[in-house]
Amino acid sequence: MQITDTIADLLTRIRNASSAKHATVEIPASNMKKAICQILKDEGYVKNFTVANDGKQGVIKVELKYTEDHSSVITGLKRVSKPGLRIYSSAEELPRVMKGLGVAIISTSHGVMTDRVARKANIGGEVLAFIW
């Protein structure tokens, strides 16, 4: 099966596993997905992730994070820039998710980073996703 939007697939798998209260979710690996998972871990939305070699492209195993009352730490995930409509933003116009409570994931010429880091470095780029 050919998936055209792999980032949307990553976000959908995490969203579905989180709503079903799964402990982990497995996702086909790529460098972009690894960078997004690293941001999710650094921002505290997931516990951890590991990359396992399966003989093909590899698998990312993401450990989801829940609160004390067993509700998901991730409230929402939204894909912004899609293959059919790319959304780019300059450093001054980077979006703020939930008035600063959420995170926008930006793909820049210096790698994948959050909106806060991109704003601090004065770098714009493609707005990949919102997480809150």
N, C-alpha and C. Protein backbone atom coordinates (compact mmCIF):
# COMPACT_ATOMS: atom_id res chain seq x y z
N MET A 1 0.84 -1.19 0.00
CA MET A 1 0.00 0.00 0.00
C MET A 1 0.88 1.24 0.00
N GLN A 2 0.64 2.14 -0.92
CA GLN A 2 1.41 3.37 -1.04
C GLN A 2 0.70 4.49 -0.29
N ILE A 3 1.40 5.10 0.65
CA ILE A 3 0.84 6.24 1.41
C ILE A 3 1.49 7.50 0.87
N THR A 4 0.67 8.46 0.46
CA THR A 4 1.23 9.68 -0.13
C THR A 4 1.62 10.68 0.95
N ASP A 5 0.89 10.75 2.05
CA ASP A 5 1.20 11.71 3.10
C ASP A 5 1.61 10.95 4.36
N THR A 6 2.91 10.73 4.50
CA THR A 6 3.41 9.91 5.61
C THR A 6 3.30 10.62 6.96
N ILE A 7 3.38 11.95 6.96
CA ILE A 7 3.27 12.69 8.22
C ILE A 7 1.84 12.62 8.74
N ALA A 8 0.86 12.73 7.85
CA ALA A 8 -0.54 12.59 8.26
C ALA A 8 -0.80 11.18 8.78
N ASP A 9 -0.15 10.18 8.18
CA ASP A 9 -0.28 8.80 8.65
C ASP A 9 0.29 8.67 10.06
N LEU A 10 1.44 9.28 10.32
CA LEU A 10 2.04 9.28 11.66
C LEU A 10 1.10 9.89 12.68
N LEU A 11 0.56 11.06 12.37
CA LEU A 11 -0.33 11.75 13.30
C LEU A 11 -1.62 10.96 13.53
N THR A 12 -2.15 10.34 12.48
CA THR A 12 -3.38 9.56 12.60
C THR A 12 -3.16 8.32 13.45
N ARG A 13 -2.03 7.65 13.27
CA ARG A 13 -1.73 6.47 14.08
C ARG A 13 -1.60 6.83 15.55
N ILE A 14 -0.94 7.94 15.84
CA ILE A 14 -0.80 8.38 17.23
C ILE A 14 -2.16 8.77 17.80
N ARG A 15 -2.96 9.51 17.03
CA ARG A 15 -4.29 9.93 17.48
C ARG A 15 -5.18 8.73 17.77
N ASN A 16 -5.20 7.74 16.87
CA ASN A 16 -6.04 6.56 17.04
C ASN A 16 -5.59 5.72 18.23
N ALA A 17 -4.29 5.51 18.38
CA ALA A 17 -3.78 4.72 19.50
C ALA A 17 -4.04 5.42 20.82
N SER A 18 -3.95 6.73 20.82
CA SER A 18 -4.19 7.50 22.03
C SER A 18 -5.65 7.44 22.44
N SER A 19 -6.55 7.55 21.48
CA SER A 19 -7.98 7.50 21.82
C SER A 19 -8.41 6.09 22.22
N ALA A 20 -7.68 5.06 21.75
CA ALA A 20 -7.98 3.68 22.13
C ALA A 20 -7.23 3.27 23.39
N LYS A 21 -6.49 4.19 23.99
CA LYS A 21 -5.74 3.97 25.24
C LYS A 21 -4.66 2.88 25.11
N HIS A 22 -4.03 2.79 23.94
CA HIS A 22 -2.94 1.84 23.75
C HIS A 22 -1.68 2.38 24.44
N ALA A 23 -0.82 1.48 24.89
CA ALA A 23 0.43 1.89 25.53
C ALA A 23 1.47 2.31 24.50
N THR A 24 1.51 1.60 23.37
CA THR A 24 2.49 1.90 22.33
C THR A 24 1.81 1.87 20.96
N VAL A 25 2.50 2.45 19.99
CA VAL A 25 2.05 2.40 18.60
C VAL A 25 3.29 2.27 17.72
N GLU A 26 3.18 1.43 16.67
CA GLU A 26 4.30 1.22 15.75
C GLU A 26 4.03 1.94 14.43
N ILE A 27 5.06 2.63 13.94
CA ILE A 27 4.94 3.45 12.74
C ILE A 27 6.14 3.15 11.84
N PRO A 28 5.94 3.01 10.52
CA PRO A 28 7.08 2.84 9.61
C PRO A 28 8.03 4.04 9.72
N ALA A 29 9.32 3.79 9.75
CA ALA A 29 10.31 4.83 10.04
C ALA A 29 10.71 5.63 8.81
N SER A 30 11.06 6.89 9.07
CA SER A 30 11.73 7.77 8.12
C SER A 30 12.43 8.84 8.94
N ASN A 31 13.35 9.55 8.33
CA ASN A 31 14.08 10.58 9.07
C ASN A 31 13.16 11.70 9.54
N MET A 32 12.19 12.09 8.71
CA MET A 32 11.25 13.14 9.09
C MET A 32 10.40 12.69 10.28
N LYS A 33 9.93 11.44 10.25
CA LYS A 33 9.11 10.93 11.36
C LYS A 33 9.92 10.83 12.65
N LYS A 34 11.20 10.45 12.53
CA LYS A 34 12.07 10.40 13.70
C LYS A 34 12.22 11.79 14.32
N ALA A 35 12.38 12.80 13.47
CA ALA A 35 12.52 14.18 13.97
C ALA A 35 11.25 14.65 14.65
N ILE A 36 10.08 14.30 14.08
CA ILE A 36 8.81 14.69 14.69
C ILE A 36 8.62 13.97 16.02
N CYS A 37 8.96 12.69 16.09
CA CYS A 37 8.85 11.93 17.34
C CYS A 37 9.80 12.50 18.40
N GLN A 38 10.98 12.96 17.99
CA GLN A 38 11.92 13.57 18.94
C GLN A 38 11.33 14.85 19.51
N ILE A 39 10.65 15.64 18.69
CA ILE A 39 10.00 16.85 19.18
C ILE A 39 8.88 16.50 20.15
N LEU A 40 8.08 15.48 19.81
CA LEU A 40 7.01 15.04 20.70
C LEU A 40 7.57 14.60 22.06
N LYS A 41 8.70 13.92 22.05
CA LYS A 41 9.32 13.49 23.29
C LYS A 41 9.87 14.68 24.08
N ASP A 42 10.57 15.58 23.39
CA ASP A 42 11.16 16.74 24.06
C ASP A 42 10.11 17.67 24.67
N GLU A 43 8.97 17.77 24.00
CA GLU A 43 7.89 18.63 24.50
C GLU A 43 7.01 17.95 25.54
N GLY A 44 7.23 16.64 25.78
CA GLY A 44 6.51 15.94 26.83
C GLY A 44 5.18 15.34 26.41
N TYR A 45 4.96 15.16 25.12
CA TYR A 45 3.69 14.59 24.64
C TYR A 45 3.72 13.06 24.59
N VAL A 46 4.92 12.47 24.48
CA VAL A 46 5.06 11.01 24.52
C VAL A 46 6.18 10.68 25.51
N LYS A 47 6.13 9.44 26.06
CA LYS A 47 7.16 9.02 27.02
C LYS A 47 8.50 8.83 26.34
N ASN A 48 8.50 8.01 25.30
CA ASN A 48 9.75 7.68 24.63
C ASN A 48 9.44 7.10 23.25
N PHE A 49 10.46 6.99 22.42
CA PHE A 49 10.32 6.29 21.15
C PHE A 49 11.63 5.59 20.84
N THR A 50 11.51 4.45 20.18
CA THR A 50 12.69 3.69 19.78
C THR A 50 12.55 3.34 18.31
N VAL A 51 13.69 3.18 17.65
CA VAL A 51 13.70 2.81 16.24
C VAL A 51 14.29 1.40 16.14
N ALA A 52 13.50 0.48 15.59
CA ALA A 52 13.94 -0.91 15.44
C ALA A 52 14.12 -1.21 13.96
N ASN A 53 15.11 -2.00 13.65
CA ASN A 53 15.37 -2.40 12.27
C ASN A 53 14.57 -3.67 11.96
N ASP A 54 13.76 -3.63 10.94
CA ASP A 54 12.96 -4.80 10.56
C ASP A 54 13.40 -5.40 9.22
N GLY A 55 14.56 -4.99 8.73
CA GLY A 55 15.05 -5.50 7.46
C GLY A 55 14.62 -4.66 6.27
N LYS A 56 13.64 -3.80 6.45
CA LYS A 56 13.19 -2.92 5.36
C LYS A 56 13.58 -1.49 5.71
N GLN A 57 12.58 -0.67 6.04
CA GLN A 57 12.87 0.73 6.35
C GLN A 57 12.95 1.00 7.84
N GLY A 58 12.57 0.03 8.67
CA GLY A 58 12.61 0.21 10.11
C GLY A 58 11.23 0.57 10.65
N VAL A 59 11.11 0.46 11.98
CA VAL A 59 9.84 0.75 12.65
C VAL A 59 10.12 1.65 13.85
N ILE A 60 9.33 2.70 14.00
CA ILE A 60 9.40 3.56 15.18
C ILE A 60 8.33 3.07 16.15
N LYS A 61 8.74 2.75 17.37
CA LYS A 61 7.79 2.33 18.40
C LYS A 61 7.66 3.48 19.40
N VAL A 62 6.48 4.09 19.45
CA VAL A 62 6.23 5.26 20.29
C VAL A 62 5.46 4.83 21.53
N GLU A 63 5.99 5.18 22.70
CA GLU A 63 5.30 4.92 23.96
C GLU A 63 4.47 6.15 24.31
N LEU A 64 3.15 5.97 24.35
CA LEU A 64 2.26 7.09 24.60
C LEU A 64 2.23 7.45 26.08
N LYS A 65 1.89 8.69 26.36
CA LYS A 65 1.91 9.21 27.73
C LYS A 65 0.48 9.56 28.14
N TYR A 66 0.12 9.16 29.38
CA TYR A 66 -1.21 9.43 29.91
C TYR A 66 -1.09 10.11 31.27
N THR A 67 -2.15 10.82 31.67
CA THR A 67 -2.17 11.48 32.97
C THR A 67 -2.58 10.48 34.05
N GLU A 68 -2.65 10.94 35.29
CA GLU A 68 -3.03 10.07 36.41
C GLU A 68 -4.43 9.49 36.24
N ASP A 69 -5.35 10.26 35.65
CA ASP A 69 -6.73 9.77 35.47
C ASP A 69 -6.91 9.06 34.11
N HIS A 70 -5.80 8.59 33.52
CA HIS A 70 -5.78 7.79 32.30
C HIS A 70 -6.33 8.53 31.07
N SER A 71 -6.23 9.85 31.05
CA SER A 71 -6.56 10.58 29.84
C SER A 71 -5.26 10.93 29.12
N SER A 72 -5.33 11.02 27.83
CA SER A 72 -4.14 11.23 27.01
C SER A 72 -3.56 12.63 27.22
N VAL A 73 -2.23 12.71 27.21
CA VAL A 73 -1.56 14.01 27.31
C VAL A 73 -1.80 14.80 26.03
N ILE A 74 -1.88 14.10 24.89
CA ILE A 74 -2.14 14.75 23.61
C ILE A 74 -3.64 14.97 23.48
N THR A 75 -4.05 16.22 23.46
CA THR A 75 -5.47 16.55 23.29
C THR A 75 -5.85 16.58 21.82
N GLY A 76 -4.95 17.11 20.99
CA GLY A 76 -5.25 17.19 19.57
C GLY A 76 -4.01 17.21 18.71
N LEU A 77 -4.15 16.69 17.50
CA LEU A 77 -3.11 16.69 16.47
C LEU A 77 -3.76 17.15 15.17
N LYS A 78 -3.11 18.07 14.47
CA LYS A 78 -3.69 18.54 13.21
C LYS A 78 -2.58 18.72 12.18
N ARG A 79 -2.77 18.14 11.01
CA ARG A 79 -1.85 18.31 9.90
C ARG A 79 -2.18 19.63 9.23
N VAL A 80 -1.20 20.50 9.04
CA VAL A 80 -1.44 21.82 8.47
C VAL A 80 -1.08 21.84 6.99
N SER A 81 0.18 21.63 6.67
CA SER A 81 0.65 21.65 5.29
C SER A 81 0.48 20.26 4.69
N LYS A 82 -0.30 20.18 3.63
CA LYS A 82 -0.59 18.90 3.00
C LYS A 82 0.11 18.83 1.64
N PRO A 83 0.25 17.63 1.06
CA PRO A 83 0.90 17.55 -0.26
C PRO A 83 0.20 18.37 -1.34
N GLY A 84 -1.10 18.52 -1.25
CA GLY A 84 -1.83 19.29 -2.25
C GLY A 84 -1.82 20.79 -2.00
N LEU A 85 -1.53 21.20 -0.75
CA LEU A 85 -1.50 22.62 -0.40
C LEU A 85 -0.45 22.83 0.68
N ARG A 86 0.71 23.26 0.26
CA ARG A 86 1.81 23.51 1.19
C ARG A 86 1.61 24.86 1.87
N ILE A 87 1.87 24.91 3.17
CA ILE A 87 1.73 26.15 3.94
C ILE A 87 3.11 26.55 4.45
N TYR A 88 3.59 27.71 4.01
CA TYR A 88 4.88 28.23 4.44
C TYR A 88 4.65 29.50 5.25
N SER A 89 5.57 29.77 6.17
CA SER A 89 5.43 30.93 7.02
C SER A 89 6.81 31.53 7.28
N SER A 90 6.86 32.85 7.32
CA SER A 90 8.12 33.51 7.68
C SER A 90 8.27 33.47 9.20
N ALA A 91 9.44 33.85 9.68
CA ALA A 91 9.72 33.80 11.12
C ALA A 91 8.78 34.72 11.90
N GLU A 92 8.43 35.84 11.32
CA GLU A 92 7.56 36.80 12.02
C GLU A 92 6.10 36.33 12.06
N GLU A 93 5.70 35.51 11.08
CA GLU A 93 4.30 35.09 10.97
C GLU A 93 4.07 33.64 11.40
N LEU A 94 5.02 33.03 12.13
CA LEU A 94 4.82 31.65 12.59
C LEU A 94 3.60 31.58 13.51
N PRO A 95 2.74 30.58 13.32
CA PRO A 95 1.51 30.51 14.11
C PRO A 95 1.78 30.11 15.56
N ARG A 96 0.91 30.60 16.45
CA ARG A 96 0.93 30.20 17.85
C ARG A 96 -0.26 29.26 18.07
N VAL A 97 0.00 28.07 18.56
CA VAL A 97 -1.03 27.06 18.76
C VAL A 97 -1.64 27.24 20.15
N MET A 98 -2.93 27.38 20.22
CA MET A 98 -3.66 27.54 21.48
C MET A 98 -3.05 28.68 22.32
N LYS A 99 -2.71 29.79 21.66
CA LYS A 99 -2.11 30.97 22.28
C LYS A 99 -0.85 30.64 23.07
N GLY A 100 -0.05 29.72 22.53
CA GLY A 100 1.22 29.38 23.15
C GLY A 100 1.20 28.10 23.97
N LEU A 101 0.03 27.51 24.22
CA LEU A 101 -0.05 26.29 25.01
C LEU A 101 0.31 25.05 24.19
N GLY A 102 0.10 25.10 22.89
CA GLY A 102 0.43 23.98 22.02
C GLY A 102 1.73 24.22 21.29
N VAL A 103 2.04 23.32 20.37
CA VAL A 103 3.30 23.39 19.63
C VAL A 103 3.01 23.26 18.14
N ALA A 104 3.66 24.11 17.35
CA ALA A 104 3.63 23.96 15.90
C ALA A 104 4.96 23.34 15.48
N ILE A 105 4.92 22.33 14.63
CA ILE A 105 6.13 21.69 14.14
C ILE A 105 6.45 22.28 12.77
N ILE A 106 7.66 22.83 12.65
CA ILE A 106 8.07 23.56 11.45
C ILE A 106 9.25 22.83 10.81
N SER A 107 9.19 22.65 9.49
CA SER A 107 10.33 22.11 8.74
C SER A 107 11.08 23.28 8.13
N THR A 108 12.31 23.49 8.58
CA THR A 108 13.10 24.63 8.12
C THR A 108 14.33 24.15 7.36
N SER A 109 15.11 25.08 6.88
CA SER A 109 16.37 24.73 6.21
C SER A 109 17.41 24.23 7.21
N HIS A 110 17.14 24.44 8.51
CA HIS A 110 18.04 23.98 9.57
C HIS A 110 17.49 22.75 10.27
N GLY A 111 16.50 22.08 9.68
CA GLY A 111 15.93 20.87 10.26
C GLY A 111 14.52 21.10 10.77
N VAL A 112 13.95 20.05 11.36
CA VAL A 112 12.60 20.11 11.90
C VAL A 112 12.69 20.63 13.34
N MET A 113 11.86 21.62 13.67
CA MET A 113 11.90 22.23 15.00
C MET A 113 10.53 22.77 15.38
N THR A 114 10.40 23.17 16.64
CA THR A 114 9.14 23.76 17.11
C THR A 114 9.07 25.23 16.69
N ASP A 115 7.89 25.79 16.81
CA ASP A 115 7.71 27.19 16.45
C ASP A 115 8.50 28.12 17.37
N ARG A 116 8.63 27.75 18.63
CA ARG A 116 9.38 28.59 19.58
C ARG A 116 10.86 28.67 19.19
N VAL A 117 11.44 27.52 18.87
CA VAL A 117 12.86 27.47 18.49
C VAL A 117 13.07 28.22 17.17
N ALA A 118 12.17 28.04 16.21
CA ALA A 118 12.29 28.72 14.92
C ALA A 118 12.15 30.23 15.08
N ARG A 119 11.24 30.66 15.96
CA ARG A 119 11.05 32.08 16.21
C ARG A 119 12.30 32.67 16.84
N LYS A 120 12.89 31.94 17.79
CA LYS A 120 14.10 32.41 18.47
C LYS A 120 15.28 32.49 17.51
N ALA A 121 15.37 31.53 16.56
CA ALA A 121 16.45 31.53 15.58
C ALA A 121 16.14 32.41 14.37
N ASN A 122 14.94 32.99 14.34
CA ASN A 122 14.49 33.86 13.25
C ASN A 122 14.52 33.12 11.91
N ILE A 123 13.92 31.92 11.91
CA ILE A 123 13.87 31.08 10.72
C ILE A 123 12.42 30.74 10.41
N GLY A 124 12.02 30.86 9.17
CA GLY A 124 10.70 30.44 8.73
C GLY A 124 10.78 29.09 8.05
N GLY A 125 9.63 28.58 7.63
CA GLY A 125 9.63 27.30 6.94
C GLY A 125 8.22 26.78 6.71
N GLU A 126 8.13 25.48 6.42
CA GLU A 126 6.85 24.84 6.17
C GLU A 126 6.22 24.41 7.49
N VAL A 127 4.98 24.80 7.72
CA VAL A 127 4.27 24.46 8.94
C VAL A 127 3.68 23.06 8.75
N LEU A 128 4.27 22.05 9.41
CA LEU A 128 3.85 20.67 9.21
C LEU A 128 2.59 20.31 10.00
N ALA A 129 2.59 20.61 11.31
CA ALA A 129 1.49 20.14 12.15
C ALA A 129 1.35 21.00 13.41
N PHE A 130 0.15 20.91 14.00
CA PHE A 130 -0.12 21.52 15.30
C PHE A 130 -0.37 20.40 16.30
N ILE A 131 0.14 20.55 17.52
CA ILE A 131 -0.10 19.57 18.59
C ILE A 131 -0.45 20.35 19.84
N TRP A 132 -1.53 19.93 20.50
CA TRP A 132 -1.91 20.56 21.77
C TRP A 132 -2.48 19.54 22.69
